[in-house]
Amino acid sequence: MILGDLTRNDFKLGLPKVILDVCEHLKTLDLAALENGRHDITDDIYMNVMAFDTVAPESKQAELHHQYVDVQVLISGKESIEYSVTYPDLTKYTSYNEQDDYQLTPDIDSKSTLTLRPKMFAVFLPYEPHKPGCNVNGQVVSLKKLVVKIPVNLI
């Protein structure tokens, strides 16, 4: 997992080139004006823009991916994300959905929690479970965010 902030001049230090390029592209956009839905960035990389209210973490499932890296960028609002960088016990997950590249589980072993504020981003690598869209300090928050999907073979 990588955590960063697009408002910092040094956000790009140490990022793989493809993630750096995506973040540089995002900085050229009016993120607040983006319409919900899918937006292609290149032939292989795309982003999904969404707006929703956060929910209690126990009311949703965590996800992980095999083939894609997630770059989750908060546009407005606040959200907590539960995550772990410990390799997961995949027997606790649903069967792998190859078409949509995900597996789900109700809870994350050895989890930590982070809170994203606008212009912050979190990068989740394959097999790093994460549960985004969770309430912040127990409070429901309306948010807008985008998730860039980068094929792992581009890293």
C-alpha atoms as a PDB file:
ATOM      1  CA  MET A   1       0.000   0.000   0.000  1.00  0.00           C
ATOM      2  CA  ILE A   2       1.199   3.477  -0.846  1.00  0.00           C
ATOM      3  CA  LEU A   3      -0.322   6.628   0.620  1.00  0.00           C
ATOM      4  CA  GLY A   4       0.112  10.085  -0.899  1.00  0.00           C
ATOM      5  CA  ASP A   5      -1.326  13.541  -1.383  1.00  0.00           C
ATOM      6  CA  LEU A   6      -1.647  15.243  -4.778  1.00  0.00           C
ATOM      7  CA  THR A   7      -1.328  18.678  -3.143  1.00  0.00           C
ATOM      8  CA  ARG A   8       2.263  17.999  -2.052  1.00  0.00           C
ATOM      9  CA  ASN A   9       5.088  18.852  -4.440  1.00  0.00           C
ATOM     10  CA  ASP A  10       6.951  15.699  -3.436  1.00  0.00           C
ATOM     11  CA  PHE A  11       4.047  13.241  -3.846  1.00  0.00           C
ATOM     12  CA  LYS A  12       5.786  11.548  -6.747  1.00  0.00           C
ATOM     13  CA  LEU A  13       8.967  10.517  -4.934  1.00  0.00           C
ATOM     14  CA  GLY A  14       9.395   6.765  -5.142  1.00  0.00           C
ATOM     15  CA  LEU A  15       6.258   6.073  -7.171  1.00  0.00           C
ATOM     16  CA  PRO A  16       6.459   3.589 -10.045  1.00  0.00           C
ATOM     17  CA  LYS A  17       6.447   5.505 -13.352  1.00  0.00           C
ATOM     18  CA  VAL A  18       2.974   4.391 -14.432  1.00  0.00           C
ATOM     19  CA  ILE A  19       1.437   5.528 -11.115  1.00  0.00           C
ATOM     20  CA  LEU A  20       3.389   8.780 -11.326  1.00  0.00           C
ATOM     21  CA  ASP A  21       2.073   9.360 -14.855  1.00  0.00           C
ATOM     22  CA  VAL A  22      -1.512   8.659 -13.735  1.00  0.00           C
ATOM     23  CA  CYS A  23      -1.190  11.077 -10.802  1.00  0.00           C
ATOM     24  CA  GLU A  24       0.307  13.755 -13.053  1.00  0.00           C
ATOM     25  CA  HIS A  25      -2.649  13.267 -15.428  1.00  0.00           C
ATOM     26  CA  LEU A  26      -5.132  13.548 -12.550  1.00  0.00           C
ATOM     27  CA  LYS A  27      -3.565  16.839 -11.468  1.00  0.00           C
ATOM     28  CA  THR A  28      -4.455  18.311 -14.903  1.00  0.00           C
ATOM     29  CA  LEU A  29      -8.165  17.502 -14.457  1.00  0.00           C
ATOM     30  CA  ASP A  30     -10.936  19.336 -12.654  1.00  0.00           C
ATOM     31  CA  LEU A  31     -11.702  16.334 -10.463  1.00  0.00           C
ATOM     32  CA  ALA A  32     -14.844  17.866  -8.946  1.00  0.00           C
ATOM     33  CA  ALA A  33     -16.339  18.309 -12.434  1.00  0.00           C
ATOM     34  CA  LEU A  34     -15.825  14.679 -13.472  1.00  0.00           C
ATOM     35  CA  GLU A  35     -19.045  12.833 -14.170  1.00  0.00           C
ATOM     36  CA  ASN A  36     -19.719   9.547 -12.432  1.00  0.00           C
ATOM     37  CA  GLY A  37     -18.846   6.456 -14.420  1.00  0.00           C
ATOM     38  CA  ARG A  38     -15.943   5.037 -16.354  1.00  0.00           C
ATOM     39  CA  HIS A  39     -13.316   7.241 -17.976  1.00  0.00           C
ATOM     40  CA  ASP A  40     -10.526   5.738 -20.080  1.00  0.00           C
ATOM     41  CA  ILE A  41      -7.074   7.199 -19.444  1.00  0.00           C
ATOM     42  CA  THR A  42      -5.158   4.979 -21.904  1.00  0.00           C
ATOM     43  CA  ASP A  43      -6.019   1.800 -23.798  1.00  0.00           C
ATOM     44  CA  ASP A  44      -5.160  -0.217 -20.663  1.00  0.00           C
ATOM     45  CA  ILE A  45      -5.818   2.172 -17.754  1.00  0.00           C
ATOM     46  CA  TYR A  46      -9.198   3.556 -16.746  1.00  0.00           C
ATOM     47  CA  MET A  47     -10.900   5.180 -13.789  1.00  0.00           C
ATOM     48  CA  ASN A  48     -14.294   4.862 -12.210  1.00  0.00           C
ATOM     49  CA  VAL A  49     -15.735   8.038 -10.689  1.00  0.00           C
ATOM     50  CA  MET A  50     -18.406   7.623  -8.024  1.00  0.00           C
ATOM     51  CA  ALA A  51     -20.339   9.526  -5.360  1.00  0.00           C
ATOM     52  CA  PHE A  52     -21.912   7.846  -2.329  1.00  0.00           C
ATOM     53  CA  ASP A  53     -22.385   7.982   1.437  1.00  0.00           C
ATOM     54  CA  THR A  54     -19.985   6.092   3.658  1.00  0.00           C
ATOM     55  CA  VAL A  55     -21.290   3.181   5.733  1.00  0.00           C
ATOM     56  CA  ALA A  56     -20.295   1.300   8.873  1.00  0.00           C
ATOM     57  CA  PRO A  57     -17.377  -1.032   8.076  1.00  0.00           C
ATOM     58  CA  GLU A  58     -19.185  -4.057   9.493  1.00  0.00           C
ATOM     59  CA  SER A  59     -21.968  -3.574   6.920  1.00  0.00           C
ATOM     60  CA  LYS A  60     -19.720  -4.134   3.884  1.00  0.00           C
ATOM     61  CA  GLN A  61     -17.139  -6.542   2.571  1.00  0.00           C
ATOM     62  CA  ALA A  62     -13.445  -6.044   1.918  1.00  0.00           C
ATOM     63  CA  GLU A  63     -12.065  -6.641  -1.557  1.00  0.00           C
ATOM     64  CA  LEU A  64      -8.789  -7.568  -3.130  1.00  0.00           C
ATOM     65  CA  HIS A  65      -7.632  -7.823  -6.713  1.00  0.00           C
ATOM     66  CA  HIS A  66      -5.275 -10.142  -8.597  1.00  0.00           C
ATOM     67  CA  GLN A  67      -4.702  -8.367 -11.919  1.00  0.00           C
ATOM     68  CA  TYR A  68      -5.152  -4.666 -11.165  1.00  0.00           C
ATOM     69  CA  VAL A  69      -3.598  -2.056  -8.922  1.00  0.00           C
ATOM     70  CA  ASP A  70      -6.135   0.371  -7.409  1.00  0.00           C
ATOM     71  CA  VAL A  71      -5.248   4.050  -7.109  1.00  0.00           C
ATOM     72  CA  GLN A  72      -8.062   5.467  -4.978  1.00  0.00           C
ATOM     73  CA  VAL A  73      -8.277   9.263  -4.956  1.00  0.00           C
ATOM     74  CA  LEU A  74     -10.707  11.169  -2.763  1.00  0.00           C
ATOM     75  CA  ILE A  75     -12.259  14.152  -4.537  1.00  0.00           C
ATOM     76  CA  SER A  76     -14.536  15.483  -1.771  1.00  0.00           C
ATOM     77  CA  GLY A  77     -15.677  14.425   1.687  1.00  0.00           C
ATOM     78  CA  LYS A  78     -13.771  12.034   3.963  1.00  0.00           C
ATOM     79  CA  GLU A  79     -13.605   8.277   4.180  1.00  0.00           C
ATOM     80  CA  SER A  80     -11.991   5.620   6.285  1.00  0.00           C
ATOM     81  CA  ILE A  81     -10.441   2.634   4.555  1.00  0.00           C
ATOM     82  CA  GLU A  82      -9.625  -0.569   6.373  1.00  0.00           C
ATOM     83  CA  TYR A  83      -6.693  -2.435   4.838  1.00  0.00           C
ATOM     84  CA  SER A  84      -3.874  -4.885   5.451  1.00  0.00           C
ATOM     85  CA  VAL A  85      -0.514  -5.481   3.855  1.00  0.00           C
ATOM     86  CA  THR A  86      -0.343  -9.009   5.308  1.00  0.00           C
ATOM     87  CA  TYR A  87      -0.826 -11.683   2.633  1.00  0.00           C
ATOM     88  CA  PRO A  88      -4.467 -12.791   3.038  1.00  0.00           C
ATOM     89  CA  ASP A  89      -5.807 -16.243   3.804  1.00  0.00           C
ATOM     90  CA  LEU A  90      -7.745 -16.670   0.555  1.00  0.00           C
ATOM     91  CA  THR A  91      -9.832 -19.513   2.045  1.00  0.00           C
ATOM     92  CA  LYS A  92     -11.715 -16.756   3.932  1.00  0.00           C
ATOM     93  CA  TYR A  93     -12.627 -15.041   0.642  1.00  0.00           C
ATOM     94  CA  THR A  94     -15.280 -15.668  -1.958  1.00  0.00           C
ATOM     95  CA  SER A  95     -14.265 -17.418  -5.152  1.00  0.00           C
ATOM     96  CA  TYR A  96     -12.219 -15.227  -7.456  1.00  0.00           C
ATOM     97  CA  ASN A  97     -14.319 -13.307  -9.991  1.00  0.00           C
ATOM     98  CA  GLU A  98     -11.926 -13.302 -12.945  1.00  0.00           C
ATOM     99  CA  GLN A  99     -14.080 -11.099 -15.183  1.00  0.00           C
ATOM    100  CA  ASP A 100     -14.224  -8.240 -12.640  1.00  0.00           C
ATOM    101  CA  ASP A 101     -10.957  -9.118 -10.830  1.00  0.00           C
ATOM    102  CA  TYR A 102     -12.024  -9.331  -7.195  1.00  0.00           C
ATOM    103  CA  GLN A 103     -12.498 -11.524  -4.169  1.00  0.00           C
ATOM    104  CA  LEU A 104     -14.529 -10.487  -1.116  1.00  0.00           C
ATOM    105  CA  THR A 105     -14.406 -11.187   2.613  1.00  0.00           C
ATOM    106  CA  PRO A 106     -16.403  -9.809   5.570  1.00  0.00           C
ATOM    107  CA  ASP A 107     -13.324  -8.846   7.546  1.00  0.00           C
ATOM    108  CA  ILE A 108      -9.609  -8.277   7.120  1.00  0.00           C
ATOM    109  CA  ASP A 109      -6.990 -10.045   9.213  1.00  0.00           C
ATOM    110  CA  SER A 110      -4.347  -7.784  10.804  1.00  0.00           C
ATOM    111  CA  LYS A 111      -6.200  -4.690   9.618  1.00  0.00           C
ATOM    112  CA  SER A 112      -5.296  -1.044   9.960  1.00  0.00           C
ATOM    113  CA  THR A 113      -7.421   1.998   9.159  1.00  0.00           C
ATOM    114  CA  LEU A 114      -6.558   5.165   7.284  1.00  0.00           C
ATOM    115  CA  THR A 115      -8.611   8.280   6.635  1.00  0.00           C
ATOM    116  CA  LEU A 116      -8.491   9.964   3.240  1.00  0.00           C
ATOM    117  CA  ARG A 117      -9.110  13.668   2.804  1.00  0.00           C
ATOM    118  CA  PRO A 118      -9.589  15.416  -0.565  1.00  0.00           C
ATOM    119  CA  LYS A 119      -6.653  15.021  -2.990  1.00  0.00           C
ATOM    120  CA  MET A 120      -5.150  12.173  -0.949  1.00  0.00           C
ATOM    121  CA  PHE A 121      -4.622   8.841  -2.675  1.00  0.00           C
ATOM    122  CA  ALA A 122      -4.079   5.259  -1.581  1.00  0.00           C
ATOM    123  CA  VAL A 123      -2.541   2.652  -3.868  1.00  0.00           C
ATOM    124  CA  PHE A 124      -3.525  -0.961  -3.215  1.00  0.00           C
ATOM    125  CA  LEU A 125      -1.413  -3.606  -4.882  1.00  0.00           C
ATOM    126  CA  PRO A 126      -2.735  -7.055  -5.842  1.00  0.00           C
ATOM    127  CA  TYR A 127      -3.630  -9.244  -2.856  1.00  0.00           C
ATOM    128  CA  GLU A 128      -3.791  -6.250  -0.495  1.00  0.00           C
ATOM    129  CA  PRO A 129      -7.287  -6.408   1.009  1.00  0.00           C
ATOM    130  CA  HIS A 130      -9.064  -3.094   1.439  1.00  0.00           C
ATOM    131  CA  LYS A 131     -12.497  -1.939   2.555  1.00  0.00           C
ATOM    132  CA  PRO A 132     -13.081   1.611   1.263  1.00  0.00           C
ATOM    133  CA  GLY A 133     -16.091   3.848   1.827  1.00  0.00           C
ATOM    134  CA  CYS A 134     -16.292   3.423   5.597  1.00  0.00           C
ATOM    135  CA  ASN A 135     -17.637   5.989   8.064  1.00  0.00           C
ATOM    136  CA  VAL A 136     -15.176   8.394   9.661  1.00  0.00           C
ATOM    137  CA  ASN A 137     -15.325   8.279  13.483  1.00  0.00           C
ATOM    138  CA  GLY A 138     -18.707   6.568  13.202  1.00  0.00           C
ATOM    139  CA  GLN A 139     -20.164   9.411  11.114  1.00  0.00           C
ATOM    140  CA  VAL A 140     -21.741   9.033   7.683  1.00  0.00           C
ATOM    141  CA  VAL A 141     -20.026  11.280   5.135  1.00  0.00           C
ATOM    142  CA  SER A 142     -21.058  12.044   1.548  1.00  0.00           C
ATOM    143  CA  LEU A 143     -18.084  11.705  -0.748  1.00  0.00           C
ATOM    144  CA  LYS A 144     -16.929  11.711  -4.322  1.00  0.00           C
ATOM    145  CA  LYS A 145     -13.928   9.675  -5.356  1.00  0.00           C
ATOM    146  CA  LEU A 146     -12.279   7.969  -8.251  1.00  0.00           C
ATOM    147  CA  VAL A 147     -10.510   4.651  -8.543  1.00  0.00           C
ATOM    148  CA  VAL A 148      -7.903   4.210 -11.252  1.00  0.00           C
ATOM    149  CA  LYS A 149      -7.396   0.613 -12.399  1.00  0.00           C
ATOM    150  CA  ILE A 150      -3.859  -0.145 -13.613  1.00  0.00           C
ATOM    151  CA  PRO A 151      -2.993  -3.623 -14.911  1.00  0.00           C
ATOM    152  CA  VAL A 152      -0.298  -5.042 -12.637  1.00  0.00           C
ATOM    153  CA  ASN A 153       1.864  -5.974 -15.626  1.00  0.00           C
ATOM    154  CA  LEU A 154       2.414  -2.218 -16.240  1.00  0.00           C
ATOM    155  CA  ILE A 155       4.096  -1.685 -12.870  1.00  0.00           C
END
